[in-house]
All heavy atoms as atom14 arrays in JSON, in Angstrom:
{
  "sequence": "KEREFVAAISWRDFSISYADSVQGRFTISRDSAKNEVLLQISSLKPE",
  "atom14_mask": [
    [1, 1, 1, 1, 1, 1, 1, 1, 1, 0, 0, 0, 0, 0],
    [1, 1, 1, 1, 1, 1, 1, 1, 1, 0, 0, 0, 0, 0],
    [1, 1, 1, 1, 1, 1, 1, 1, 1, 1, 1, 0, 0, 0],
    [1, 1, 1, 1, 1, 1, 1, 1, 1, 0, 0, 0, 0, 0],
    [1, 1, 1, 1, 1, 1, 1, 1, 1, 1, 1, 0, 0, 0],
    [1, 1, 1, 1, 1, 1, 1, 0, 0, 0, 0, 0, 0, 0],
    [1, 1, 1, 1, 1, 0, 0, 0, 0, 0, 0, 0, 0, 0],
    [1, 1, 1, 1, 1, 0, 0, 0, 0, 0, 0, 0, 0, 0],
    [1, 1, 1, 1, 1, 1, 1, 1, 0, 0, 0, 0, 0, 0],
    [1, 1, 1, 1, 1, 1, 0, 0, 0, 0, 0, 0, 0, 0],
    [1, 1, 1, 1, 1, 1, 1, 1, 1, 1, 1, 1, 1, 1],
    [1, 1, 1, 1, 1, 1, 1, 1, 1, 1, 1, 0, 0, 0],
    [1, 1, 1, 1, 1, 1, 1, 1, 0, 0, 0, 0, 0, 0],
    [1, 1, 1, 1, 1, 1, 1, 1, 1, 1, 1, 0, 0, 0],
    [1, 1, 1, 1, 1, 1, 0, 0, 0, 0, 0, 0, 0, 0],
    [1, 1, 1, 1, 1, 1, 1, 1, 0, 0, 0, 0, 0, 0],
    [1, 1, 1, 1, 1, 1, 0, 0, 0, 0, 0, 0, 0, 0],
    [1, 1, 1, 1, 1, 1, 1, 1, 1, 1, 1, 1, 0, 0],
    [1, 1, 1, 1, 1, 0, 0, 0, 0, 0, 0, 0, 0, 0],
    [1, 1, 1, 1, 1, 1, 1, 1, 0, 0, 0, 0, 0, 0],
    [1, 1, 1, 1, 1, 1, 0, 0, 0, 0, 0, 0, 0, 0],
    [1, 1, 1, 1, 1, 1, 1, 0, 0, 0, 0, 0, 0, 0],
    [1, 1, 1, 1, 1, 1, 1, 1, 1, 0, 0, 0, 0, 0],
    [1, 1, 1, 1, 0, 0, 0, 0, 0, 0, 0, 0, 0, 0],
    [1, 1, 1, 1, 1, 1, 1, 1, 1, 1, 1, 0, 0, 0],
    [1, 1, 1, 1, 1, 1, 1, 1, 1, 1, 1, 0, 0, 0],
    [1, 1, 1, 1, 1, 1, 1, 0, 0, 0, 0, 0, 0, 0],
    [1, 1, 1, 1, 1, 1, 1, 1, 0, 0, 0, 0, 0, 0],
    [1, 1, 1, 1, 1, 1, 0, 0, 0, 0, 0, 0, 0, 0],
    [1, 1, 1, 1, 1, 1, 1, 1, 1, 1, 1, 0, 0, 0],
    [1, 1, 1, 1, 1, 1, 1, 1, 0, 0, 0, 0, 0, 0],
    [1, 1, 1, 1, 1, 1, 0, 0, 0, 0, 0, 0, 0, 0],
    [1, 1, 1, 1, 1, 0, 0, 0, 0, 0, 0, 0, 0, 0],
    [1, 1, 1, 1, 1, 1, 1, 1, 1, 0, 0, 0, 0, 0],
    [1, 1, 1, 1, 1, 1, 1, 1, 0, 0, 0, 0, 0, 0],
    [1, 1, 1, 1, 1, 1, 1, 1, 1, 0, 0, 0, 0, 0],
    [1, 1, 1, 1, 1, 1, 1, 0, 0, 0, 0, 0, 0, 0],
    [1, 1, 1, 1, 1, 1, 1, 1, 0, 0, 0, 0, 0, 0],
    [1, 1, 1, 1, 1, 1, 1, 1, 0, 0, 0, 0, 0, 0],
    [1, 1, 1, 1, 1, 1, 1, 1, 1, 0, 0, 0, 0, 0],
    [1, 1, 1, 1, 1, 1, 1, 1, 0, 0, 0, 0, 0, 0],
    [1, 1, 1, 1, 1, 1, 0, 0, 0, 0, 0, 0, 0, 0],
    [1, 1, 1, 1, 1, 1, 0, 0, 0, 0, 0, 0, 0, 0],
    [1, 1, 1, 1, 1, 1, 1, 1, 0, 0, 0, 0, 0, 0],
    [1, 1, 1, 1, 1, 1, 1, 1, 1, 0, 0, 0, 0, 0],
    [1, 1, 1, 1, 1, 1, 1, 0, 0, 0, 0, 0, 0, 0],
    [1, 1, 1, 1, 1, 1, 1, 1, 1, 0, 0, 0, 0, 0]
  ],
  "atom14_positions": [
    [[-14.98, -5.02, 12.57], [-13.84, -5.92, 12.39], [-12.57, -5.31, 12.96], [-12.5, -4.12, 13.23], [-13.66, -6.24, 10.91], [-14.82, -7.02, 10.29], [-14.49, -7.46, 8.89], [-15.61, -8.31, 8.3], [-15.29, -8.78, 6.93], [0.0, 0.0, 0.0], [0.0, 0.0, 0.0], [0.0, 0.0, 0.0], [0.0, 0.0, 0.0], [0.0, 0.0, 0.0]],
    [[-11.57, -6.15, 13.11], [-10.29, -5.68, 13.61], [-9.51, -4.97, 12.5], [-9.71, -5.22, 11.31], [-9.48, -6.85, 14.15], [-10.08, -7.49, 15.39], [-9.17, -8.54, 16.0], [-8.14, -8.86, 15.39], [-9.5, -9.04, 17.08], [0.0, 0.0, 0.0], [0.0, 0.0, 0.0], [0.0, 0.0, 0.0], [0.0, 0.0, 0.0], [0.0, 0.0, 0.0]],
    [[-8.61, -4.12, 12.96], [-7.74, -3.44, 12.0], [-6.82, -4.46, 11.35], [-6.27, -5.33, 12.01], [-6.93, -2.36, 12.73], [-6.19, -1.42, 11.83], [-5.64, -0.25, 12.61], [-6.71, 0.55, 13.21], [-6.51, 1.7, 13.83], [-5.27, 2.19, 13.95], [-7.52, 2.36, 14.35], [0.0, 0.0, 0.0], [0.0, 0.0, 0.0], [0.0, 0.0, 0.0]],
    [[-6.62, -4.33, 10.03], [-5.8, -5.29, 9.32], [-4.77, -4.59, 8.45], [-4.99, -3.48, 7.97], [-6.66, -6.21, 8.46], [-7.4, -5.52, 7.34], [-8.14, -6.5, 6.43], [-8.05, -7.73, 6.64], [-8.8, -6.03, 5.48], [0.0, 0.0, 0.0], [0.0, 0.0, 0.0], [0.0, 0.0, 0.0], [0.0, 0.0, 0.0], [0.0, 0.0, 0.0]],
    [[-3.68, -5.28, 8.24], [-2.6, -4.77, 7.4], [-3.03, -4.75, 5.95], [-3.71, -5.66, 5.47], [-1.37, -5.67, 7.58], [-0.27, -5.42, 6.6], [0.56, -4.32, 6.73], [-0.08, -6.26, 5.52], [1.58, -4.09, 5.83], [0.92, -6.05, 4.61], [1.76, -4.95, 4.76], [0.0, 0.0, 0.0], [0.0, 0.0, 0.0], [0.0, 0.0, 0.0]],
    [[-2.6, -3.7, 5.23], [-2.89, -3.58, 3.81], [-1.6, -3.59, 2.99], [-1.43, -4.41, 2.1], [-3.69, -2.29, 3.51], [-3.86, -2.11, 2.01], [-5.05, -2.33, 4.21], [0.0, 0.0, 0.0], [0.0, 0.0, 0.0], [0.0, 0.0, 0.0], [0.0, 0.0, 0.0], [0.0, 0.0, 0.0], [0.0, 0.0, 0.0], [0.0, 0.0, 0.0]],
    [[-0.72, -2.67, 3.29], [0.52, -2.55, 2.51], [1.53, -1.75, 3.31], [1.18, -1.01, 4.23], [0.25, -1.86, 1.18], [0.0, 0.0, 0.0], [0.0, 0.0, 0.0], [0.0, 0.0, 0.0], [0.0, 0.0, 0.0], [0.0, 0.0, 0.0], [0.0, 0.0, 0.0], [0.0, 0.0, 0.0], [0.0, 0.0, 0.0], [0.0, 0.0, 0.0]],
    [[2.81, -1.92, 2.95], [3.86, -1.18, 3.63], [5.03, -0.96, 2.69], [5.26, -1.73, 1.75], [4.32, -1.94, 4.87], [0.0, 0.0, 0.0], [0.0, 0.0, 0.0], [0.0, 0.0, 0.0], [0.0, 0.0, 0.0], [0.0, 0.0, 0.0], [0.0, 0.0, 0.0], [0.0, 0.0, 0.0], [0.0, 0.0, 0.0], [0.0, 0.0, 0.0]],
    [[5.77, 0.11, 2.98], [6.95, 0.43, 2.2], [8.03, 0.97, 3.12], [7.74, 1.71, 4.07], [6.61, 1.46, 1.09], [7.81, 1.68, 0.17], [6.12, 2.78, 1.68], [7.46, 2.44, -1.11], [0.0, 0.0, 0.0], [0.0, 0.0, 0.0], [0.0, 0.0, 0.0], [0.0, 0.0, 0.0], [0.0, 0.0, 0.0], [0.0, 0.0, 0.0]],
    [[9.25, 0.58, 2.85], [10.39, 1.1, 3.61], [10.88, 2.39, 2.97], [11.11, 2.43, 1.76], [11.53, 0.08, 3.64], [12.73, 0.69, 4.07], [0.0, 0.0, 0.0], [0.0, 0.0, 0.0], [0.0, 0.0, 0.0], [0.0, 0.0, 0.0], [0.0, 0.0, 0.0], [0.0, 0.0, 0.0], [0.0, 0.0, 0.0], [0.0, 0.0, 0.0]],
    [[11.03, 3.42, 3.79], [11.55, 4.68, 3.25], [13.01, 4.53, 2.85], [13.48, 5.21, 1.94], [11.41, 5.78, 4.31], [11.28, 7.13, 3.68], [12.29, 8.01, 3.41], [10.07, 7.75, 3.26], [11.77, 9.13, 2.83], [10.43, 9.01, 2.74], [8.73, 7.37, 3.28], [9.46, 9.89, 2.23], [7.8, 8.25, 2.78], [8.16, 9.48, 2.26]],
    [[13.7, 3.61, 3.5], [15.14, 3.49, 3.28], [15.47, 2.7, 2.02], [16.26, 3.15, 1.2], [15.78, 2.81, 4.48], [17.29, 2.65, 4.38], [17.85, 1.94, 5.61], [17.32, 0.6, 5.77], [17.81, -0.47, 5.17], [18.84, -0.36, 4.35], [17.28, -1.65, 5.38], [0.0, 0.0, 0.0], [0.0, 0.0, 0.0], [0.0, 0.0, 0.0]],
    [[14.85, 1.52, 1.86], [15.28, 0.66, 0.76], [14.17, 0.27, -0.2], [14.36, -0.6, -1.05], [15.96, -0.6, 1.3], [15.01, -1.51, 2.07], [13.8, -1.22, 2.13], [15.49, -2.51, 2.62], [0.0, 0.0, 0.0], [0.0, 0.0, 0.0], [0.0, 0.0, 0.0], [0.0, 0.0, 0.0], [0.0, 0.0, 0.0], [0.0, 0.0, 0.0]],
    [[13.01, 0.89, -0.06], [11.87, 0.66, -0.96], [11.32, -0.76, -0.89], [10.53, -1.14, -1.75], [12.25, 0.97, -2.43], [12.49, 2.42, -2.71], [13.77, 2.94, -2.58], [11.47, 3.25, -3.1], [14.01, 4.29, -2.84], [11.7, 4.6, -3.36], [12.97, 5.11, -3.23], [0.0, 0.0, 0.0], [0.0, 0.0, 0.0], [0.0, 0.0, 0.0]],
    [[11.71, -1.55, 0.09], [11.1, -2.87, 0.21], [9.6, -2.69, 0.48], [9.18, -1.74, 1.13], [11.75, -3.68, 1.31], [11.79, -2.97, 2.54], [0.0, 0.0, 0.0], [0.0, 0.0, 0.0], [0.0, 0.0, 0.0], [0.0, 0.0, 0.0], [0.0, 0.0, 0.0], [0.0, 0.0, 0.0], [0.0, 0.0, 0.0], [0.0, 0.0, 0.0]],
    [[8.82, -3.61, -0.05], [7.36, -3.47, -0.04], [6.71, -4.79, 0.35], [7.22, -5.87, 0.05], [6.86, -3.02, -1.43], [7.16, -1.53, -1.65], [5.36, -3.26, -1.6], [6.82, -1.04, -3.03], [0.0, 0.0, 0.0], [0.0, 0.0, 0.0], [0.0, 0.0, 0.0], [0.0, 0.0, 0.0], [0.0, 0.0, 0.0], [0.0, 0.0, 0.0]],
    [[5.55, -4.69, 0.97], [4.75, -5.87, 1.29], [3.28, -5.52, 1.11], [2.87, -4.38, 1.37], [5.01, -6.33, 2.73], [4.19, -7.41, 3.07], [0.0, 0.0, 0.0], [0.0, 0.0, 0.0], [0.0, 0.0, 0.0], [0.0, 0.0, 0.0], [0.0, 0.0, 0.0], [0.0, 0.0, 0.0], [0.0, 0.0, 0.0], [0.0, 0.0, 0.0]],
    [[2.5, -6.49, 0.67], [1.06, -6.34, 0.51], [0.34, -7.48, 1.2], [0.83, -8.61, 1.24], [0.66, -6.36, -0.97], [1.16, -5.2, -1.79], [2.27, -5.32, -2.62], [0.5, -3.97, -1.75], [2.72, -4.26, -3.38], [0.95, -2.89, -2.51], [2.06, -3.05, -3.32], [2.51, -1.99, -4.06], [0.0, 0.0, 0.0], [0.0, 0.0, 0.0]],
    [[-0.85, -7.19, 1.67], [-1.73, -8.25, 2.13], [-2.18, -9.05, 0.92], [-2.35, -8.5, -0.18], [-2.93, -7.65, 2.86], [0.0, 0.0, 0.0], [0.0, 0.0, 0.0], [0.0, 0.0, 0.0], [0.0, 0.0, 0.0], [0.0, 0.0, 0.0], [0.0, 0.0, 0.0], [0.0, 0.0, 0.0], [0.0, 0.0, 0.0], [0.0, 0.0, 0.0]],
    [[-2.4, -10.33, 1.1], [-2.83, -11.18, -0.01], [-4.12, -10.67, -0.63], [-4.31, -10.77, -1.84], [-3.03, -12.61, 0.48], [-1.72, -13.3, 0.83], [-0.65, -12.81, 0.41], [-1.77, -14.32, 1.54], [0.0, 0.0, 0.0], [0.0, 0.0, 0.0], [0.0, 0.0, 0.0], [0.0, 0.0, 0.0], [0.0, 0.0, 0.0], [0.0, 0.0, 0.0]],
    [[-4.98, -10.1, 0.18], [-6.3, -9.68, -0.3], [-6.24, -8.48, -1.24], [-7.21, -8.21, -1.96], [-7.21, -9.35, 0.89], [-6.62, -8.31, 1.67], [0.0, 0.0, 0.0], [0.0, 0.0, 0.0], [0.0, 0.0, 0.0], [0.0, 0.0, 0.0], [0.0, 0.0, 0.0], [0.0, 0.0, 0.0], [0.0, 0.0, 0.0], [0.0, 0.0, 0.0]],
    [[-5.12, -7.76, -1.25], [-5.03, -6.57, -2.09], [-3.92, -6.69, -3.14], [-3.78, -5.81, -4.0], [-4.79, -5.3, -1.25], [-5.85, -5.18, -0.16], [-3.39, -5.25, -0.66], [0.0, 0.0, 0.0], [0.0, 0.0, 0.0], [0.0, 0.0, 0.0], [0.0, 0.0, 0.0], [0.0, 0.0, 0.0], [0.0, 0.0, 0.0], [0.0, 0.0, 0.0]],
    [[-3.15, -7.76, -3.08], [-2.06, -7.96, -4.03], [-2.58, -7.89, -5.46], [-3.56, -8.52, -5.81], [-1.41, -9.32, -3.78], [-0.23, -9.64, -4.67], [1.03, -8.95, -4.21], [1.35, -8.91, -3.03], [1.77, -8.4, -5.16], [0.0, 0.0, 0.0], [0.0, 0.0, 0.0], [0.0, 0.0, 0.0], [0.0, 0.0, 0.0], [0.0, 0.0, 0.0]],
    [[-1.91, -7.08, -6.26], [-2.31, -6.93, -7.65], [-3.35, -5.85, -7.89], [-3.58, -5.45, -9.04], [0.0, 0.0, 0.0], [0.0, 0.0, 0.0], [0.0, 0.0, 0.0], [0.0, 0.0, 0.0], [0.0, 0.0, 0.0], [0.0, 0.0, 0.0], [0.0, 0.0, 0.0], [0.0, 0.0, 0.0], [0.0, 0.0, 0.0], [0.0, 0.0, 0.0]],
    [[-3.98, -5.37, -6.84], [-5.0, -4.32, -6.99], [-4.54, -3.0, -6.36], [-4.95, -1.93, -6.8], [-6.31, -4.74, -6.34], [-6.93, -5.99, -6.94], [-8.33, -6.23, -6.39], [-8.33, -6.45, -4.95], [-9.02, -5.71, -4.08], [-9.74, -4.68, -4.51], [-8.98, -6.0, -2.79], [0.0, 0.0, 0.0], [0.0, 0.0, 0.0], [0.0, 0.0, 0.0]],
    [[-3.74, -3.07, -5.32], [-3.27, -1.9, -4.61], [-1.78, -1.71, -4.88], [-1.03, -2.68, -5.01], [-3.47, -2.04, -3.1], [-4.89, -2.0, -2.64], [-5.96, -2.14, -3.51], [-5.17, -1.82, -1.29], [-7.27, -2.1, -3.06], [-6.47, -1.78, -0.82], [-7.53, -1.93, -1.72], [0.0, 0.0, 0.0], [0.0, 0.0, 0.0], [0.0, 0.0, 0.0]],
    [[-1.37, -0.46, -4.96], [0.05, -0.14, -5.16], [0.47, 0.93, -4.18], [-0.13, 2.01, -4.13], [0.3, 0.35, -6.59], [-0.11, -0.64, -7.53], [1.78, 0.64, -6.81], [0.0, 0.0, 0.0], [0.0, 0.0, 0.0], [0.0, 0.0, 0.0], [0.0, 0.0, 0.0], [0.0, 0.0, 0.0], [0.0, 0.0, 0.0], [0.0, 0.0, 0.0]],
    [[1.5, 0.63, -3.41], [2.03, 1.61, -2.45], [3.28, 2.23, -3.03], [4.09, 1.57, -3.7], [2.31, 0.95, -1.08], [2.61, 2.02, -0.03], [3.42, -0.08, -1.17], [2.65, 1.46, 1.39], [0.0, 0.0, 0.0], [0.0, 0.0, 0.0], [0.0, 0.0, 0.0], [0.0, 0.0, 0.0], [0.0, 0.0, 0.0], [0.0, 0.0, 0.0]],
    [[3.46, 3.51, -2.78], [4.65, 4.21, -3.24], [4.92, 5.38, -2.32], [4.11, 5.68, -1.43], [4.45, 4.71, -4.68], [3.38, 5.63, -4.74], [0.0, 0.0, 0.0], [0.0, 0.0, 0.0], [0.0, 0.0, 0.0], [0.0, 0.0, 0.0], [0.0, 0.0, 0.0], [0.0, 0.0, 0.0], [0.0, 0.0, 0.0], [0.0, 0.0, 0.0]],
    [[6.05, 6.02, -2.52], [6.36, 7.18, -1.69], [6.9, 8.31, -2.56], [7.53, 8.06, -3.59], [7.34, 6.84, -0.59], [8.75, 6.45, -1.05], [9.64, 6.34, 0.16], [11.0, 5.98, -0.15], [11.93, 6.86, -0.49], [11.63, 8.14, -0.61], [13.17, 6.46, -0.71], [0.0, 0.0, 0.0], [0.0, 0.0, 0.0], [0.0, 0.0, 0.0]],
    [[6.61, 9.51, -2.12], [7.08, 10.7, -2.79], [7.99, 11.44, -1.82], [7.51, 12.1, -0.9], [5.88, 11.57, -3.21], [6.28, 12.78, -4.02], [7.41, 13.28, -3.84], [5.46, 13.23, -4.83], [0.0, 0.0, 0.0], [0.0, 0.0, 0.0], [0.0, 0.0, 0.0], [0.0, 0.0, 0.0], [0.0, 0.0, 0.0], [0.0, 0.0, 0.0]],
    [[9.29, 11.31, -2.03], [10.24, 11.91, -1.09], [10.13, 13.43, -1.06], [10.28, 14.05, -0.02], [11.65, 11.49, -1.46], [11.81, 10.11, -1.37], [0.0, 0.0, 0.0], [0.0, 0.0, 0.0], [0.0, 0.0, 0.0], [0.0, 0.0, 0.0], [0.0, 0.0, 0.0], [0.0, 0.0, 0.0], [0.0, 0.0, 0.0], [0.0, 0.0, 0.0]],
    [[9.9, 14.02, -2.22], [9.85, 15.47, -2.29], [8.71, 16.03, -1.45], [8.83, 17.1, -0.84], [9.71, 15.92, -3.74], [0.0, 0.0, 0.0], [0.0, 0.0, 0.0], [0.0, 0.0, 0.0], [0.0, 0.0, 0.0], [0.0, 0.0, 0.0], [0.0, 0.0, 0.0], [0.0, 0.0, 0.0], [0.0, 0.0, 0.0], [0.0, 0.0, 0.0]],
    [[7.61, 15.32, -1.43], [6.43, 15.78, -0.67], [6.32, 15.12, 0.69], [5.4, 15.44, 1.44], [5.17, 15.51, -1.48], [5.08, 16.29, -2.78], [3.76, 16.0, -3.48], [3.63, 16.8, -4.78], [2.35, 16.51, -5.47], [0.0, 0.0, 0.0], [0.0, 0.0, 0.0], [0.0, 0.0, 0.0], [0.0, 0.0, 0.0], [0.0, 0.0, 0.0]],
    [[7.21, 14.2, 0.99], [7.12, 13.45, 2.26], [5.75, 12.77, 2.39], [5.1, 12.85, 3.44], [7.37, 14.36, 3.45], [8.52, 13.87, 4.3], [9.45, 13.25, 3.82], [8.44, 14.14, 5.6], [0.0, 0.0, 0.0], [0.0, 0.0, 0.0], [0.0, 0.0, 0.0], [0.0, 0.0, 0.0], [0.0, 0.0, 0.0], [0.0, 0.0, 0.0]],
    [[5.34, 12.11, 1.32], [4.05, 11.46, 1.29], [4.18, 9.99, 0.95], [5.08, 9.58, 0.22], [3.13, 12.11, 0.26], [2.65, 13.5, 0.63], [1.67, 14.04, -0.38], [1.57, 13.47, -1.49], [1.0, 15.04, -0.07], [0.0, 0.0, 0.0], [0.0, 0.0, 0.0], [0.0, 0.0, 0.0], [0.0, 0.0, 0.0], [0.0, 0.0, 0.0]],
    [[3.26, 9.22, 1.47], [3.11, 7.82, 1.09], [1.76, 7.69, 0.39], [0.75, 8.17, 0.92], [3.18, 6.89, 2.3], [2.97, 5.45, 1.87], [4.51, 7.04, 3.0], [0.0, 0.0, 0.0], [0.0, 0.0, 0.0], [0.0, 0.0, 0.0], [0.0, 0.0, 0.0], [0.0, 0.0, 0.0], [0.0, 0.0, 0.0], [0.0, 0.0, 0.0]],
    [[1.78, 7.08, -0.76], [0.57, 6.98, -1.57], [0.1, 5.54, -1.63], [0.91, 4.61, -1.62], [0.86, 7.5, -2.97], [1.45, 8.92, -3.04], [1.85, 9.25, -4.46], [0.47, 9.93, -2.5], [0.0, 0.0, 0.0], [0.0, 0.0, 0.0], [0.0, 0.0, 0.0], [0.0, 0.0, 0.0], [0.0, 0.0, 0.0], [0.0, 0.0, 0.0]],
    [[-1.2, 5.38, -1.71], [-1.77, 4.05, -1.91], [-2.79, 4.16, -3.04], [-3.86, 4.74, -2.86], [-2.43, 3.54, -0.63], [-2.93, 2.09, -0.7], [-1.74, 1.12, -0.79], [-3.81, 1.75, 0.5], [0.0, 0.0, 0.0], [0.0, 0.0, 0.0], [0.0, 0.0, 0.0], [0.0, 0.0, 0.0], [0.0, 0.0, 0.0], [0.0, 0.0, 0.0]],
    [[-2.43, 3.63, -4.17], [-3.34, 3.58, -5.31], [-4.17, 2.32, -5.17], [-3.61, 1.21, -5.13], [-2.56, 3.56, -6.62], [-3.45, 3.49, -7.85], [-4.23, 4.77, -8.09], [-3.71, 5.87, -7.91], [-5.48, 4.63, -8.5], [0.0, 0.0, 0.0], [0.0, 0.0, 0.0], [0.0, 0.0, 0.0], [0.0, 0.0, 0.0], [0.0, 0.0, 0.0]],
    [[-5.48, 2.48, -5.07], [-6.33, 1.33, -4.88], [-7.26, 1.22, -6.08], [-7.94, 2.17, -6.45], [-7.1, 1.39, -3.55], [-7.88, 2.7, -3.39], [-6.12, 1.29, -2.38], [-8.67, 2.78, -2.09], [0.0, 0.0, 0.0], [0.0, 0.0, 0.0], [0.0, 0.0, 0.0], [0.0, 0.0, 0.0], [0.0, 0.0, 0.0], [0.0, 0.0, 0.0]],
    [[-7.26, 0.05, -6.71], [-8.0, -0.16, -7.94], [-8.84, -1.43, -7.84], [-8.68, -2.22, -6.91], [-7.02, -0.28, -9.11], [-6.16, 0.83, -9.18], [0.0, 0.0, 0.0], [0.0, 0.0, 0.0], [0.0, 0.0, 0.0], [0.0, 0.0, 0.0], [0.0, 0.0, 0.0], [0.0, 0.0, 0.0], [0.0, 0.0, 0.0], [0.0, 0.0, 0.0]],
    [[-9.72, -1.59, -8.83], [-10.6, -2.76, -8.86], [-11.26, -2.97, -7.51], [-11.29, -4.07, -6.96], [-9.81, -4.01, -9.26], [-9.19, -3.84, -10.51], [0.0, 0.0, 0.0], [0.0, 0.0, 0.0], [0.0, 0.0, 0.0], [0.0, 0.0, 0.0], [0.0, 0.0, 0.0], [0.0, 0.0, 0.0], [0.0, 0.0, 0.0], [0.0, 0.0, 0.0]],
    [[-11.78, -1.88, -6.98], [-12.32, -1.92, -5.63], [-13.53, -2.84, -5.51], [-14.34, -2.95, -6.43], [-12.68, -0.51, -5.17], [-11.47, 0.33, -4.73], [-11.81, 1.81, -4.72], [-11.01, -0.12, -3.36], [0.0, 0.0, 0.0], [0.0, 0.0, 0.0], [0.0, 0.0, 0.0], [0.0, 0.0, 0.0], [0.0, 0.0, 0.0], [0.0, 0.0, 0.0]],
    [[-13.62, -3.47, -4.36], [-14.7, -4.38, -4.03], [-15.43, -3.85, -2.8], [-14.82, -3.15, -1.98], [-14.14, -5.77, -3.74], [-13.27, -6.35, -4.84], [-12.66, -7.67, -4.4], [-11.74, -8.24, -5.47], [-11.14, -9.54, -5.04], [0.0, 0.0, 0.0], [0.0, 0.0, 0.0], [0.0, 0.0, 0.0], [0.0, 0.0, 0.0], [0.0, 0.0, 0.0]],
    [[-16.68, -4.22, -2.63], [-17.38, -3.77, -1.42], [-16.65, -4.15, -0.13], [-16.69, -3.4, 0.85], [-18.73, -4.49, -1.52], [-18.95, -4.62, -3.0], [-17.58, -4.88, -3.57], [0.0, 0.0, 0.0], [0.0, 0.0, 0.0], [0.0, 0.0, 0.0], [0.0, 0.0, 0.0], [0.0, 0.0, 0.0], [0.0, 0.0, 0.0], [0.0, 0.0, 0.0]],
    [[-15.96, -5.26, -0.13], [-15.23, -5.69, 1.07], [-13.99, -4.85, 1.34], [-13.33, -5.01, 2.37], [-14.85, -7.17, 0.99], [-14.14, -7.58, -0.28], [-15.08, -8.16, -1.32], [-16.21, -7.61, -1.49], [-14.69, -9.16, -1.96], [0.0, 0.0, 0.0], [0.0, 0.0, 0.0], [0.0, 0.0, 0.0], [0.0, 0.0, 0.0], [0.0, 0.0, 0.0]]
  ]
}
């Protein structure tokens, strides 16, 4: 399959977007101290 968008976060203003397919199950966040972007993925499905 083609690559698809999952989630995004702005480093500047924390604005966030999710794909409809993951809304409510995935959470994106950032850790400024570690310069990391995290994606917590829950209620995982085979798809």
